[in-house]
PDB file of all heavy atoms in Angstrom:
ATOM      1  N   ILE A   1       0.832  -1.209   0.000  1.00  0.00           N
ATOM      2  CA  ILE A   1       0.000   0.000   0.000  1.00  0.00           C
ATOM      3  C   ILE A   1       0.868   1.262   0.000  1.00  0.00           C
ATOM      4  O   ILE A   1       1.940   1.304   0.596  1.00  0.00           O
ATOM      5  CB  ILE A   1      -1.000   0.003   1.177  1.00  0.00           C
ATOM      6  CG1 ILE A   1      -2.094   1.042   0.948  1.00  0.00           C
ATOM      7  CG2 ILE A   1      -0.303   0.222   2.495  1.00  0.00           C
ATOM      8  CD1 ILE A   1      -3.257   0.900   1.908  1.00  0.00           C
ATOM      9  N   VAL A   2       0.409   2.246  -0.718  1.00  0.00           N
ATOM     10  CA  VAL A   2       1.073   3.548  -0.787  1.00  0.00           C
ATOM     11  C   VAL A   2       0.163   4.584  -0.143  1.00  0.00           C
ATOM     12  O   VAL A   2      -1.027   4.324   0.058  1.00  0.00           O
ATOM     13  CB  VAL A   2       1.379   3.942  -2.253  1.00  0.00           C
ATOM     14  CG1 VAL A   2       2.348   2.951  -2.892  1.00  0.00           C
ATOM     15  CG2 VAL A   2       0.108   4.078  -3.078  1.00  0.00           C
ATOM     16  N   PRO A   3       0.674   5.744   0.191  1.00  0.00           N
ATOM     17  CA  PRO A   3      -0.221   6.788   0.690  1.00  0.00           C
ATOM     18  C   PRO A   3      -1.321   7.083  -0.335  1.00  0.00           C
ATOM     19  O   PRO A   3      -1.097   7.013  -1.546  1.00  0.00           O
ATOM     20  CB  PRO A   3       0.711   7.982   0.870  1.00  0.00           C
ATOM     21  CG  PRO A   3       2.051   7.363   1.137  1.00  0.00           C
ATOM     22  CD  PRO A   3       2.080   6.155   0.236  1.00  0.00           C
ATOM     23  N   GLY A   4      -2.507   7.383   0.168  1.00  0.00           N
ATOM     24  CA  GLY A   4      -3.611   7.677  -0.729  1.00  0.00           C
ATOM     25  C   GLY A   4      -4.946   7.702  -0.022  1.00  0.00           C
ATOM     26  O   GLY A   4      -5.020   7.748   1.211  1.00  0.00           O
ATOM     27  N   ILE A   5      -5.994   7.645  -0.829  1.00  0.00           N
ATOM     28  CA  ILE A   5      -7.381   7.704  -0.366  1.00  0.00           C
ATOM     29  C   ILE A   5      -8.072   6.446  -0.879  1.00  0.00           C
ATOM     30  O   ILE A   5      -8.233   6.278  -2.091  1.00  0.00           O
ATOM     31  CB  ILE A   5      -8.083   8.960  -0.929  1.00  0.00           C
ATOM     32  CG1 ILE A   5      -7.328  10.224  -0.531  1.00  0.00           C
ATOM     33  CG2 ILE A   5      -9.544   9.009  -0.484  1.00  0.00           C
ATOM     34  CD1 ILE A   5      -7.747  11.464  -1.320  1.00  0.00           C
ATOM     35  N   PHE A   6      -8.464   5.559   0.022  1.00  0.00           N
ATOM     36  CA  PHE A   6      -8.996   4.264  -0.372  1.00  0.00           C
ATOM     37  C   PHE A   6     -10.360   4.007   0.265  1.00  0.00           C
ATOM     38  O   PHE A   6     -10.596   4.404   1.397  1.00  0.00           O
ATOM     39  CB  PHE A   6      -8.046   3.145   0.070  1.00  0.00           C
ATOM     40  CG  PHE A   6      -6.628   3.368  -0.380  1.00  0.00           C
ATOM     41  CD1 PHE A   6      -5.683   3.893   0.480  1.00  0.00           C
ATOM     42  CD2 PHE A   6      -6.257   3.073  -1.677  1.00  0.00           C
ATOM     43  CE1 PHE A   6      -4.381   4.117   0.070  1.00  0.00           C
ATOM     44  CE2 PHE A   6      -4.949   3.289  -2.109  1.00  0.00           C
ATOM     45  CZ  PHE A   6      -4.007   3.812  -1.231  1.00  0.00           C
ATOM     46  N   GLU A   7     -11.216   3.310  -0.461  1.00  0.00           N
ATOM     47  CA  GLU A   7     -12.473   2.843   0.118  1.00  0.00           C
ATOM     48  C   GLU A   7     -12.147   1.599   0.924  1.00  0.00           C
ATOM     49  O   GLU A   7     -11.698   0.597   0.376  1.00  0.00           O
ATOM     50  CB  GLU A   7     -13.471   2.520  -0.984  1.00  0.00           C
ATOM     51  CG  GLU A   7     -14.806   2.033  -0.452  1.00  0.00           C
ATOM     52  CD  GLU A   7     -15.741   1.651  -1.572  1.00  0.00           C
ATOM     53  OE1 GLU A   7     -16.295   2.569  -2.214  1.00  0.00           O
ATOM     54  OE2 GLU A   7     -15.906   0.434  -1.797  1.00  0.00           O
ATOM     55  N   SER A   8     -12.372   1.656   2.222  1.00  0.00           N
ATOM     56  CA  SER A   8     -12.079   0.531   3.091  1.00  0.00           C
ATOM     57  C   SER A   8     -13.252  -0.435   3.161  1.00  0.00           C
ATOM     58  O   SER A   8     -13.083  -1.638   3.072  1.00  0.00           O
ATOM     59  CB  SER A   8     -11.718   1.033   4.491  1.00  0.00           C
ATOM     60  OG  SER A   8     -11.452  -0.021   5.354  1.00  0.00           O
ATOM     61  N   ARG A   9     -14.457   0.113   3.334  1.00  0.00           N
ATOM     62  CA  ARG A   9     -15.655  -0.737   3.406  1.00  0.00           C
ATOM     63  C   ARG A   9     -16.896   0.104   3.203  1.00  0.00           C
ATOM     64  O   ARG A   9     -16.894   1.310   3.437  1.00  0.00           O
ATOM     65  CB  ARG A   9     -15.711  -1.491   4.719  1.00  0.00           C
ATOM     66  CG  ARG A   9     -15.770  -0.590   5.934  1.00  0.00           C
ATOM     67  CD  ARG A   9     -15.783  -1.328   7.240  1.00  0.00           C
ATOM     68  NE  ARG A   9     -17.043  -1.990   7.423  1.00  0.00           N
ATOM     69  CZ  ARG A   9     -17.229  -3.017   8.246  1.00  0.00           C
ATOM     70  NH1 ARG A   9     -16.230  -3.483   8.945  1.00  0.00           N
ATOM     71  NH2 ARG A   9     -18.408  -3.571   8.379  1.00  0.00           N
ATOM     72  N   VAL A  10     -17.963  -0.565   2.789  1.00  0.00           N
ATOM     73  CA  VAL A  10     -19.267   0.070   2.634  1.00  0.00           C
ATOM     74  C   VAL A  10     -20.253  -0.751   3.451  1.00  0.00           C
ATOM     75  O   VAL A  10     -20.321  -1.967   3.321  1.00  0.00           O
ATOM     76  CB  VAL A  10     -19.710   0.115   1.157  1.00  0.00           C
ATOM     77  CG1 VAL A  10     -21.087   0.771   1.035  1.00  0.00           C
ATOM     78  CG2 VAL A  10     -18.686   0.835   0.298  1.00  0.00           C
ATOM     79  N   ASP A  11     -20.994  -0.080   4.315  1.00  0.00           N
ATOM     80  CA  ASP A  11     -21.989  -0.731   5.158  1.00  0.00           C
ATOM     81  C   ASP A  11     -23.352  -0.118   4.883  1.00  0.00           C
ATOM     82  O   ASP A  11     -23.451   1.013   4.400  1.00  0.00           O
ATOM     83  CB  ASP A  11     -21.650  -0.544   6.637  1.00  0.00           C
ATOM     84  CG  ASP A  11     -20.346  -1.224   7.009  1.00  0.00           C
ATOM     85  OD1 ASP A  11     -20.298  -2.454   6.970  1.00  0.00           O
ATOM     86  OD2 ASP A  11     -19.375  -0.506   7.330  1.00  0.00           O
ATOM     87  N   THR A  12     -24.380  -0.862   5.217  1.00  0.00           N
ATOM     88  CA  THR A  12     -25.735  -0.333   5.160  1.00  0.00           C
ATOM     89  C   THR A  12     -26.229  -0.209   6.591  1.00  0.00           C
ATOM     90  O   THR A  12     -26.224  -1.181   7.343  1.00  0.00           O
ATOM     91  CB  THR A  12     -26.654  -1.249   4.334  1.00  0.00           C
ATOM     92  OG1 THR A  12     -26.103  -1.378   3.018  1.00  0.00           O
ATOM     93  CG2 THR A  12     -28.056  -0.666   4.238  1.00  0.00           C
ATOM     94  N   VAL A  13     -26.608   1.004   6.955  1.00  0.00           N
ATOM     95  CA  VAL A  13     -27.082   1.294   8.304  1.00  0.00           C
ATOM     96  C   VAL A  13     -28.476   1.917   8.168  1.00  0.00           C
ATOM     97  O   VAL A  13     -28.617   2.997   7.607  1.00  0.00           O
ATOM     98  CB  VAL A  13     -26.118   2.252   9.047  1.00  0.00           C
ATOM     99  CG1 VAL A  13     -26.633   2.560  10.434  1.00  0.00           C
ATOM    100  CG2 VAL A  13     -24.712   1.690   9.094  1.00  0.00           C
ATOM    101  N   GLY A  14     -29.477   1.231   8.681  1.00  0.00           N
ATOM    102  CA  GLY A  14     -30.843   1.750   8.588  1.00  0.00           C
ATOM    103  C   GLY A  14     -31.282   1.996   7.159  1.00  0.00           C
ATOM    104  O   GLY A  14     -32.006   2.945   6.890  1.00  0.00           O
ATOM    105  N   GLY A  15     -30.817   1.186   6.231  1.00  0.00           N
ATOM    106  CA  GLY A  15     -31.177   1.349   4.822  1.00  0.00           C
ATOM    107  C   GLY A  15     -30.304   2.325   4.060  1.00  0.00           C
ATOM    108  O   GLY A  15     -30.442   2.451   2.844  1.00  0.00           O
ATOM    109  N   ASP A  16     -29.417   3.030   4.758  1.00  0.00           N
ATOM    110  CA  ASP A  16     -28.539   4.005   4.107  1.00  0.00           C
ATOM    111  C   ASP A  16     -27.113   3.476   4.028  1.00  0.00           C
ATOM    112  O   ASP A  16     -26.624   2.824   4.954  1.00  0.00           O
ATOM    113  CB  ASP A  16     -28.530   5.320   4.891  1.00  0.00           C
ATOM    114  CG  ASP A  16     -29.892   5.981   4.924  1.00  0.00           C
ATOM    115  OD1 ASP A  16     -30.589   5.970   3.893  1.00  0.00           O
ATOM    116  OD2 ASP A  16     -30.258   6.509   5.992  1.00  0.00           O
ATOM    117  N   LYS A  17     -26.431   3.793   2.947  1.00  0.00           N
ATOM    118  CA  LYS A  17     -25.038   3.394   2.804  1.00  0.00           C
ATOM    119  C   LYS A  17     -24.134   4.331   3.592  1.00  0.00           C
ATOM    120  O   LYS A  17     -24.355   5.535   3.653  1.00  0.00           O
ATOM    121  CB  LYS A  17     -24.623   3.392   1.339  1.00  0.00           C
ATOM    122  CG  LYS A  17     -25.297   2.293   0.551  1.00  0.00           C
ATOM    123  CD  LYS A  17     -24.491   1.917  -0.646  1.00  0.00           C
ATOM    124  CE  LYS A  17     -25.187   0.887  -1.482  1.00  0.00           C
ATOM    125  NZ  LYS A  17     -25.126  -0.446  -0.993  1.00  0.00           N
ATOM    126  N   VAL A  18     -23.118   3.749   4.208  1.00  0.00           N
ATOM    127  CA  VAL A  18     -22.097   4.475   4.960  1.00  0.00           C
ATOM    128  C   VAL A  18     -20.751   3.913   4.505  1.00  0.00           C
ATOM    129  O   VAL A  18     -20.571   2.693   4.471  1.00  0.00           O
ATOM    130  CB  VAL A  18     -22.285   4.268   6.486  1.00  0.00           C
ATOM    131  CG1 VAL A  18     -21.162   4.904   7.260  1.00  0.00           C
ATOM    132  CG2 VAL A  18     -23.628   4.818   6.941  1.00  0.00           C
ATOM    133  N   THR A  19     -19.828   4.801   4.149  1.00  0.00           N
ATOM    134  CA  THR A  19     -18.543   4.350   3.623  1.00  0.00           C
ATOM    135  C   THR A  19     -17.404   4.767   4.541  1.00  0.00           C
ATOM    136  O   THR A  19     -17.336   5.916   4.982  1.00  0.00           O
ATOM    137  CB  THR A  19     -18.291   4.928   2.212  1.00  0.00           C
ATOM    138  OG1 THR A  19     -19.404   4.576   1.382  1.00  0.00           O
ATOM    139  CG2 THR A  19     -17.013   4.381   1.608  1.00  0.00           C
ATOM    140  N   THR A  20     -16.525   3.804   4.816  1.00  0.00           N
ATOM    141  CA  THR A  20     -15.304   4.062   5.577  1.00  0.00           C
ATOM    142  C   THR A  20     -14.164   4.178   4.584  1.00  0.00           C
ATOM    143  O   THR A  20     -13.962   3.284   3.749  1.00  0.00           O
ATOM    144  CB  THR A  20     -15.013   2.923   6.564  1.00  0.00           C
ATOM    145  OG1 THR A  20     -16.130   2.773   7.443  1.00  0.00           O
ATOM    146  CG2 THR A  20     -13.750   3.211   7.379  1.00  0.00           C
ATOM    147  N   TYR A  21     -13.426   5.280   4.679  1.00  0.00           N
ATOM    148  CA  TYR A  21     -12.270   5.521   3.821  1.00  0.00           C
ATOM    149  C   TYR A  21     -10.997   5.429   4.644  1.00  0.00           C
ATOM    150  O   TYR A  21     -10.944   5.874   5.784  1.00  0.00           O
ATOM    151  CB  TYR A  21     -12.348   6.910   3.173  1.00  0.00           C
ATOM    152  CG  TYR A  21     -13.554   7.070   2.280  1.00  0.00           C
ATOM    153  CD1 TYR A  21     -14.742   7.588   2.777  1.00  0.00           C
ATOM    154  CD2 TYR A  21     -13.506   6.688   0.942  1.00  0.00           C
ATOM    155  CE1 TYR A  21     -15.851   7.726   1.967  1.00  0.00           C
ATOM    156  CE2 TYR A  21     -14.621   6.827   0.122  1.00  0.00           C
ATOM    157  CZ  TYR A  21     -15.789   7.347   0.648  1.00  0.00           C
ATOM    158  OH  TYR A  21     -16.897   7.482  -0.159  1.00  0.00           O
ATOM    159  N   ASP A  22      -9.981   4.875   4.032  1.00  0.00           N
ATOM    160  CA  ASP A  22      -8.635   4.771   4.589  1.00  0.00           C
ATOM    161  C   ASP A  22      -7.854   5.927   3.985  1.00  0.00           C
ATOM    162  O   ASP A  22      -7.638   5.970   2.779  1.00  0.00           O
ATOM    163  CB  ASP A  22      -8.069   3.410   4.169  1.00  0.00           C
ATOM    164  CG  ASP A  22      -6.599   3.198   4.461  1.00  0.00           C
ATOM    165  OD1 ASP A  22      -5.835   4.173   4.587  1.00  0.00           O
ATOM    166  OD2 ASP A  22      -6.193   2.029   4.513  1.00  0.00           O
ATOM    167  N   ILE A  23      -7.476   6.880   4.818  1.00  0.00           N
ATOM    168  CA  ILE A  23      -6.679   8.020   4.371  1.00  0.00           C
ATOM    169  C   ILE A  23      -5.256   7.742   4.847  1.00  0.00           C
ATOM    170  O   ILE A  23      -4.903   8.014   5.993  1.00  0.00           O
ATOM    171  CB  ILE A  23      -7.228   9.356   4.946  1.00  0.00           C
ATOM    172  CG1 ILE A  23      -8.758   9.441   4.797  1.00  0.00           C
ATOM    173  CG2 ILE A  23      -6.501  10.536   4.314  1.00  0.00           C
ATOM    174  CD1 ILE A  23      -9.297   9.247   3.401  1.00  0.00           C
ATOM    175  N   ARG A  24      -4.469   7.179   3.965  1.00  0.00           N
ATOM    176  CA  ARG A  24      -3.145   6.659   4.330  1.00  0.00           C
ATOM    177  C   ARG A  24      -2.069   7.690   4.016  1.00  0.00           C
ATOM    178  O   ARG A  24      -1.846   8.033   2.878  1.00  0.00           O
ATOM    179  CB  ARG A  24      -2.898   5.374   3.551  1.00  0.00           C
ATOM    180  CG  ARG A  24      -1.722   4.592   4.000  1.00  0.00           C
ATOM    181  CD  ARG A  24      -1.933   3.951   5.342  1.00  0.00           C
ATOM    182  NE  ARG A  24      -3.029   2.995   5.312  1.00  0.00           N
ATOM    183  CZ  ARG A  24      -3.106   1.911   6.045  1.00  0.00           C
ATOM    184  NH1 ARG A  24      -2.150   1.602   6.886  1.00  0.00           N
ATOM    185  NH2 ARG A  24      -4.150   1.113   5.971  1.00  0.00           N
ATOM    186  N   LEU A  25      -1.379   8.159   5.060  1.00  0.00           N
ATOM    187  CA  LEU A  25      -0.324   9.155   4.896  1.00  0.00           C
ATOM    188  C   LEU A  25       1.058   8.546   4.757  1.00  0.00           C
ATOM    189  O   LEU A  25       1.961   9.167   4.198  1.00  0.00           O
ATOM    190  CB  LEU A  25      -0.311  10.128   6.081  1.00  0.00           C
ATOM    191  CG  LEU A  25      -1.333  11.249   6.080  1.00  0.00           C
ATOM    192  CD1 LEU A  25      -2.751  10.755   6.213  1.00  0.00           C
ATOM    193  CD2 LEU A  25      -1.018  12.247   7.171  1.00  0.00           C
ATOM    194  N   LYS A  26       1.244   7.362   5.303  1.00  0.00           N
ATOM    195  CA  LYS A  26       2.563   6.713   5.332  1.00  0.00           C
ATOM    196  C   LYS A  26       2.481   5.303   4.759  1.00  0.00           C
ATOM    197  O   LYS A  26       1.456   4.648   4.860  1.00  0.00           O
ATOM    198  CB  LYS A  26       3.102   6.642   6.770  1.00  0.00           C
ATOM    199  CG  LYS A  26       3.363   7.995   7.392  1.00  0.00           C
ATOM    200  CD  LYS A  26       4.526   8.632   6.702  1.00  0.00           C
ATOM    201  CE  LYS A  26       4.830  10.013   7.205  1.00  0.00           C
ATOM    202  NZ  LYS A  26       5.914  10.623   6.445  1.00  0.00           N
ATOM    203  N   LYS A  27       3.581   4.827   4.205  1.00  0.00           N
ATOM    204  CA  LYS A  27       3.676   3.453   3.720  1.00  0.00           C
ATOM    205  C   LYS A  27       3.865   2.547   4.928  1.00  0.00           C
ATOM    206  O   LYS A  27       4.901   2.612   5.592  1.00  0.00           O
ATOM    207  CB  LYS A  27       4.863   3.291   2.779  1.00  0.00           C
ATOM    208  CG  LYS A  27       4.752   4.049   1.486  1.00  0.00           C
ATOM    209  CD  LYS A  27       6.025   3.884   0.666  1.00  0.00           C
ATOM    210  CE  LYS A  27       5.968   4.750  -0.568  1.00  0.00           C
ATOM    211  NZ  LYS A  27       7.250   4.711  -1.301  1.00  0.00           N
TER     212      LYS A  27
END
């Protein structure tokens, strides 16, 4: 992995999508 902006996971909470992003600053 390199530094960047990544989609870590997508969940559904109460019918709505919620996305966790990995904001990686360091290798």
